[in-house]
C-alpha atoms as a PDB file:
ATOM      1  CA  MET A   1       7.491 -10.389  12.648  1.00  0.00           C
ATOM      2  CA  GLU A   2       7.771  -6.701  11.077  1.00  0.00           C
ATOM      3  CA  ILE A   3       6.199  -5.153   7.700  1.00  0.00           C
ATOM      4  CA  ILE A   4       7.930  -3.519   5.149  1.00  0.00           C
ATOM      5  CA  THR A   5       6.529  -1.541   2.663  1.00  0.00           C
ATOM      6  CA  THR A   6       7.904  -1.070  -0.911  1.00  0.00           C
ATOM      7  CA  GLU A   7       7.545   1.219  -3.930  1.00  0.00           C
ATOM      8  CA  ILE A   8       3.964  -0.712  -5.034  1.00  0.00           C
ATOM      9  CA  GLU A   9       0.957   0.148  -2.951  1.00  0.00           C
ATOM     10  CA  GLY A  10      -0.228  -2.998  -1.253  1.00  0.00           C
ATOM     11  CA  VAL A  11       3.044  -5.035  -1.776  1.00  0.00           C
ATOM     12  CA  PHE A  12       4.658  -5.654   1.103  1.00  0.00           C
ATOM     13  CA  ILE A  13       8.063  -7.620   2.186  1.00  0.00           C
ATOM     14  CA  ILE A  14       7.772  -9.080   5.505  1.00  0.00           C
ATOM     15  CA  GLU A  15      10.092  -9.810   8.389  1.00  0.00           C
ATOM     16  CA  ASN A  16       9.354 -13.136   9.793  1.00  0.00           C
ATOM     17  CA  PHE A  17       9.820 -14.426  12.910  1.00  0.00           C
ATOM     18  CA  HIS A  18      12.740 -16.939  13.397  1.00  0.00           C
ATOM     19  CA  ALA A  19      15.061 -18.986  15.874  1.00  0.00           C
ATOM     20  CA  GLU A  20      17.887 -20.666  15.183  1.00  0.00           C
ATOM     21  CA  ASP A  21      19.897 -23.300  17.429  1.00  0.00           C
ATOM     22  CA  ASP A  22      21.923 -26.574  17.260  1.00  0.00           C
ATOM     23  CA  ARG A  23      18.862 -28.140  15.938  1.00  0.00           C
ATOM     24  CA  GLY A  24      17.903 -26.024  12.664  1.00  0.00           C
ATOM     25  CA  ARG A  25      15.613 -23.328  12.165  1.00  0.00           C
ATOM     26  CA  PHE A  26      12.096 -22.749  12.729  1.00  0.00           C
ATOM     27  CA  THR A  27      10.456 -19.561  10.611  1.00  0.00           C
ATOM     28  CA  LYS A  28       6.789 -18.460  11.211  1.00  0.00           C
ATOM     29  CA  THR A  29       5.166 -17.147   7.871  1.00  0.00           C
ATOM     30  CA  TYR A  30       1.941 -16.641   8.683  1.00  0.00           C
ATOM     31  CA  HIS A  31       0.247 -14.929  12.487  1.00  0.00           C
ATOM     32  CA  VAL A  32      -3.435 -13.906  11.996  1.00  0.00           C
ATOM     33  CA  ASP A  33      -3.268 -11.069  14.517  1.00  0.00           C
ATOM     34  CA  PHE A  34      -0.052  -9.878  12.909  1.00  0.00           C
ATOM     35  CA  PHE A  35      -1.925  -9.841   9.495  1.00  0.00           C
ATOM     36  CA  LYS A  36      -5.203  -8.946  10.854  1.00  0.00           C
ATOM     37  CA  GLU A  37      -3.226  -5.948  12.800  1.00  0.00           C
ATOM     38  CA  ASN A  38      -1.375  -4.739   9.069  1.00  0.00           C
ATOM     39  CA  LYS A  39      -5.220  -4.807   7.256  1.00  0.00           C
ATOM     40  CA  LEU A  40      -3.688  -7.805   5.233  1.00  0.00           C
ATOM     41  CA  CYS A  41      -5.993 -11.276   4.391  1.00  0.00           C
ATOM     42  CA  ARG A  42      -6.043 -13.949   6.382  1.00  0.00           C
ATOM     43  CA  GLU A  43      -8.216 -16.013   4.492  1.00  0.00           C
ATOM     44  CA  PHE A  44      -5.878 -18.747   1.828  1.00  0.00           C
ATOM     45  CA  ARG A  45      -7.971 -21.031   0.244  1.00  0.00           C
ATOM     46  CA  GLU A  46      -5.059 -23.028  -1.649  1.00  0.00           C
ATOM     47  CA  SER A  47      -1.218 -23.840  -0.656  1.00  0.00           C
ATOM     48  CA  TYR A  48       1.374 -24.820  -3.016  1.00  0.00           C
ATOM     49  CA  TYR A  49       4.896 -25.047  -4.105  1.00  0.00           C
ATOM     50  CA  SER A  50       7.035 -25.692  -6.706  1.00  0.00           C
ATOM     51  CA  VAL A  51      10.788 -27.025  -7.084  1.00  0.00           C
ATOM     52  CA  SER A  52      13.346 -24.977  -9.498  1.00  0.00           C
ATOM     53  CA  LYS A  53      16.124 -25.533 -11.055  1.00  0.00           C
ATOM     54  CA  LYS A  54      18.748 -22.671 -11.813  1.00  0.00           C
ATOM     55  CA  ASP A  55      17.871 -20.186 -14.014  1.00  0.00           C
ATOM     56  CA  VAL A  56      14.656 -20.731 -14.162  1.00  0.00           C
ATOM     57  CA  ILE A  57      11.732 -18.594 -14.909  1.00  0.00           C
ATOM     58  CA  ARG A  58       7.639 -18.567 -13.743  1.00  0.00           C
ATOM     59  CA  GLY A  59       5.809 -15.981 -14.399  1.00  0.00           C
ATOM     60  CA  MET A  60       4.239 -13.911 -15.086  1.00  0.00           C
ATOM     61  CA  HIS A  61       0.724 -15.113 -13.429  1.00  0.00           C
ATOM     62  CA  PHE A  62      -2.274 -13.915 -11.960  1.00  0.00           C
ATOM     63  CA  GLN A  63      -6.389 -13.944 -11.904  1.00  0.00           C
ATOM     64  CA  LEU A  64      -8.171 -11.957 -13.361  1.00  0.00           C
ATOM     65  CA  PRO A  65     -10.909  -9.641 -11.413  1.00  0.00           C
ATOM     66  CA  PRO A  66     -13.455  -9.260 -10.289  1.00  0.00           C
ATOM     67  CA  PRO A  67     -13.699 -11.121  -7.451  1.00  0.00           C
ATOM     68  CA  PRO A  68     -14.455 -13.614  -6.648  1.00  0.00           C
ATOM     69  CA  HIS A  69     -11.102 -15.351  -8.821  1.00  0.00           C
ATOM     70  CA  ASP A  70      -8.356 -12.026  -8.276  1.00  0.00           C
ATOM     71  CA  HIS A  71      -6.606 -12.622  -5.150  1.00  0.00           C
ATOM     72  CA  GLU A  72      -3.994 -11.958  -2.681  1.00  0.00           C
ATOM     73  CA  LYS A  73      -0.516 -13.947  -2.576  1.00  0.00           C
ATOM     74  CA  LEU A  74       1.996 -14.756  -0.239  1.00  0.00           C
ATOM     75  CA  VAL A  75       5.374 -16.280  -1.189  1.00  0.00           C
ATOM     76  CA  TYR A  76       8.237 -17.401   0.295  1.00  0.00           C
ATOM     77  CA  VAL A  77      11.249 -19.898  -0.127  1.00  0.00           C
ATOM     78  CA  ALA A  78      11.463 -23.033   2.106  1.00  0.00           C
ATOM     79  CA  LYS A  79      14.533 -23.734   0.127  1.00  0.00           C
ATOM     80  CA  GLY A  80      17.391 -22.418  -2.397  1.00  0.00           C
ATOM     81  CA  GLU A  81      17.016 -18.903  -3.458  1.00  0.00           C
ATOM     82  CA  VAL A  82      15.095 -16.934  -5.900  1.00  0.00           C
ATOM     83  CA  LEU A  83      14.940 -13.243  -7.260  1.00  0.00           C
ATOM     84  CA  ASP A  84      11.081 -12.644  -6.495  1.00  0.00           C
ATOM     85  CA  VAL A  85       9.709 -10.483  -9.358  1.00  0.00           C
ATOM     86  CA  ILE A  86       5.979  -8.406  -8.886  1.00  0.00           C
ATOM     87  CA  LEU A  87       4.507  -5.983 -11.539  1.00  0.00           C
ATOM     88  CA  ASP A  88       1.989  -3.680 -10.936  1.00  0.00           C
ATOM     89  CA  MET A  89      -1.000  -4.189 -13.221  1.00  0.00           C
ATOM     90  CA  ARG A  90      -4.050  -2.218 -11.617  1.00  0.00           C
ATOM     91  CA  LYS A  91      -4.910   0.331 -14.475  1.00  0.00           C
ATOM     92  CA  GLY A  92      -5.101   3.239 -11.938  1.00  0.00           C
ATOM     93  CA  SER A  93      -2.095   2.355 -10.179  1.00  0.00           C
ATOM     94  CA  SER A  94       0.079   5.754 -10.050  1.00  0.00           C
ATOM     95  CA  THR A  95       2.896   2.348 -10.266  1.00  0.00           C
ATOM     96  CA  PHE A  96       0.713   0.868 -13.499  1.00  0.00           C
ATOM     97  CA  GLY A  97       3.883  -0.979 -15.733  1.00  0.00           C
ATOM     98  CA  LYS A  98       6.247  -0.611 -12.809  1.00  0.00           C
ATOM     99  CA  SER A  99       7.919  -3.857 -11.517  1.00  0.00           C
ATOM    100  CA  ILE A 100       9.857  -4.744  -8.292  1.00  0.00           C
ATOM    101  CA  SER A 101      12.087  -7.700  -7.208  1.00  0.00           C
ATOM    102  CA  VAL A 102      12.857  -8.845  -3.952  1.00  0.00           C
ATOM    103  CA  VAL A 103      15.822 -11.629  -2.749  1.00  0.00           C
ATOM    104  CA  LEU A 104      14.044 -14.586  -1.381  1.00  0.00           C
ATOM    105  CA  ASN A 105      15.710 -17.480   0.344  1.00  0.00           C
ATOM    106  CA  ASP A 106      15.700 -20.036   3.100  1.00  0.00           C
ATOM    107  CA  LYS A 107      18.154 -17.727   5.662  1.00  0.00           C
ATOM    108  CA  ASN A 108      16.772 -14.320   5.115  1.00  0.00           C
ATOM    109  CA  ASN A 109      13.637 -15.294   6.678  1.00  0.00           C
ATOM    110  CA  LYS A 110      11.511 -13.013   4.090  1.00  0.00           C
ATOM    111  CA  SER A 111       7.629 -13.375   2.759  1.00  0.00           C
ATOM    112  CA  VAL A 112       6.508 -11.000   0.166  1.00  0.00           C
ATOM    113  CA  TYR A 113       2.300 -10.414   0.481  1.00  0.00           C
ATOM    114  CA  ILE A 114       1.259  -9.584  -3.323  1.00  0.00           C
ATOM    115  CA  PRO A 115      -2.466  -7.791  -3.138  1.00  0.00           C
ATOM    116  CA  LYS A 116      -5.079  -8.272  -6.171  1.00  0.00           C
ATOM    117  CA  GLY A 117      -4.137  -6.537  -9.157  1.00  0.00           C
ATOM    118  CA  LEU A 118      -0.665  -7.518  -9.849  1.00  0.00           C
ATOM    119  CA  ALA A 119       1.232 -10.326 -11.692  1.00  0.00           C
ATOM    120  CA  HIS A 120       4.119 -12.706 -10.255  1.00  0.00           C
ATOM    121  CA  GLY A 121       6.653 -14.210 -11.051  1.00  0.00           C
ATOM    122  CA  PHE A 122      10.375 -15.572  -9.736  1.00  0.00           C
ATOM    123  CA  LYS A 123      13.662 -17.039 -11.349  1.00  0.00           C
ATOM    124  CA  SER A 124      15.517 -19.650  -9.482  1.00  0.00           C
ATOM    125  CA  ILE A 125      19.209 -18.546  -8.519  1.00  0.00           C
ATOM    126  CA  VAL A 126      20.257 -22.153  -7.535  1.00  0.00           C
ATOM    127  CA  ASP A 127      19.307 -25.192  -8.177  1.00  0.00           C
ATOM    128  CA  ASP A 128      16.143 -27.037  -6.133  1.00  0.00           C
ATOM    129  CA  SER A 129      14.659 -23.679  -5.196  1.00  0.00           C
ATOM    130  CA  ILE A 130      11.320 -24.155  -3.427  1.00  0.00           C
ATOM    131  CA  MET A 131       8.984 -21.418  -3.819  1.00  0.00           C
ATOM    132  CA  VAL A 132       5.642 -21.323  -1.378  1.00  0.00           C
ATOM    133  CA  TYR A 133       2.962 -20.263  -2.502  1.00  0.00           C
ATOM    134  CA  SER A 134      -0.632 -19.335  -0.566  1.00  0.00           C
ATOM    135  CA  VAL A 135      -3.409 -17.938  -2.338  1.00  0.00           C
ATOM    136  CA  ALA A 136      -6.607 -16.402  -0.986  1.00  0.00           C
ATOM    137  CA  THR A 137      -9.069 -17.788  -4.028  1.00  0.00           C
ATOM    138  CA  MET A 138      -8.981 -21.072  -5.342  1.00  0.00           C
ATOM    139  CA  TYR A 139      -7.434 -21.117  -9.218  1.00  0.00           C
ATOM    140  CA  ASN A 140      -9.651 -20.496 -11.809  1.00  0.00           C
ATOM    141  CA  SER A 141      -8.838 -21.590 -15.457  1.00  0.00           C
ATOM    142  CA  GLU A 142     -11.031 -19.194 -16.844  1.00  0.00           C
ATOM    143  CA  ALA A 143      -9.894 -16.166 -14.752  1.00  0.00           C
ATOM    144  CA  ASP A 144      -6.225 -17.251 -14.953  1.00  0.00           C
ATOM    145  CA  TYR A 145      -4.101 -14.778 -16.744  1.00  0.00           C
ATOM    146  CA  ASP A 146      -0.645 -14.392 -17.703  1.00  0.00           C
ATOM    147  CA  ILE A 147       2.208 -11.805 -19.050  1.00  0.00           C
ATOM    148  CA  ARG A 148       5.328 -12.890 -20.907  1.00  0.00           C
ATOM    149  CA  TYR A 149       7.902 -12.160 -18.272  1.00  0.00           C
ATOM    150  CA  ASP A 150      10.487 -10.528 -21.261  1.00  0.00           C
ATOM    151  CA  SER A 151       7.626  -8.219 -22.154  1.00  0.00           C
ATOM    152  CA  ILE A 152       7.840  -6.548 -18.821  1.00  0.00           C
ATOM    153  CA  ASP A 153      10.656  -3.562 -17.771  1.00  0.00           C
ATOM    154  CA  PHE A 154      12.882  -5.727 -15.665  1.00  0.00           C
ATOM    155  CA  ASP A 155      16.661  -7.572 -16.348  1.00  0.00           C
ATOM    156  CA  TRP A 156      15.975 -11.261 -15.324  1.00  0.00           C
ATOM    157  CA  ASN A 157      20.047 -11.086 -15.715  1.00  0.00           C
ATOM    158  CA  VAL A 158      20.114 -14.601 -17.290  1.00  0.00           C
ATOM    159  CA  ALA A 159      21.543 -15.419 -20.833  1.00  0.00           C
ATOM    160  CA  GLU A 160      19.290 -18.799 -21.380  1.00  0.00           C
ATOM    161  CA  PRO A 161      16.838 -18.824 -19.340  1.00  0.00           C
ATOM    162  CA  ILE A 162      14.867 -22.118 -18.539  1.00  0.00           C
ATOM    163  CA  VAL A 163      10.946 -21.508 -19.665  1.00  0.00           C
ATOM    164  CA  SER A 164       7.969 -23.730 -20.037  1.00  0.00           C
ATOM    165  CA  ASP A 165       6.672 -23.890 -23.429  1.00  0.00           C
ATOM    166  CA  ARG A 166       3.610 -22.383 -21.954  1.00  0.00           C
ATOM    167  CA  ASP A 167       5.421 -18.865 -20.111  1.00  0.00           C
ATOM    168  CA  ARG A 168       6.935 -19.092 -23.702  1.00  0.00           C
ATOM    169  CA  SER A 169       3.883 -18.543 -25.898  1.00  0.00           C
ATOM    170  CA  LEU A 170       2.107 -15.912 -23.001  1.00  0.00           C
ATOM    171  CA  SER A 171       0.711 -12.650 -24.279  1.00  0.00           C
ATOM    172  CA  THR A 172       3.191  -9.252 -23.833  1.00  0.00           C
ATOM    173  CA  PHE A 173       2.429  -6.381 -21.682  1.00  0.00           C
ATOM    174  CA  GLU A 174       1.730  -4.384 -24.548  1.00  0.00           C
ATOM    175  CA  GLU A 175      -1.327  -6.901 -25.240  1.00  0.00           C
ATOM    176  CA  PHE A 176      -2.665  -6.918 -22.150  1.00  0.00           C
ATOM    177  CA  ARG A 177      -2.455  -3.171 -21.713  1.00  0.00           C
ATOM    178  CA  ILE A 178      -3.773  -2.871 -25.124  1.00  0.00           C
ATOM    179  CA  ARG A 179      -6.987  -5.313 -24.308  1.00  0.00           C
ATOM    180  CA  ASN A 180      -7.459  -3.297 -21.343  1.00  0.00           C
ATOM    181  CA  LEU A 181      -8.627  -6.455 -19.412  1.00  0.00           C
ATOM    182  CA  PHE A 182      -8.275  -4.757 -15.839  1.00  0.00           C
END
């Protein structure tokens, strides 16, 4: 496994170990010693996945501080392809309000590690993309917070996104900033 730094402090792209032969593919997405050596969270409390049609946008989701509800997240694509988007929500950060993106798919063997204080979302590039999430804390509805995907400085490059009613009704990034929740 190899770790790649990004423009946002604490966000890492992980090049996962993989092997391929006439039977198919094998990919390792987590190794406790590798995460320990790189000072990454090693204890994940929940894991889940979503299946999304092409042009579905999910996000931008996160858990509000303080501990124990805010969390680190590890994401990867088991099938299909997504444009993964991470937004820095940490008020004291030099990259506050900045977003980055990375293409994750079932062929490039990449995961994204997202620290506390960042919002996460993605756009499915193909039908039936399976995104897998591991999070360091249990979901807590009172700490659950989200930002409208179209209120951040990011071009999702989709004319007619498929977005849930819930995600359409979220607060904007500007409303979040004004409310000073972090």
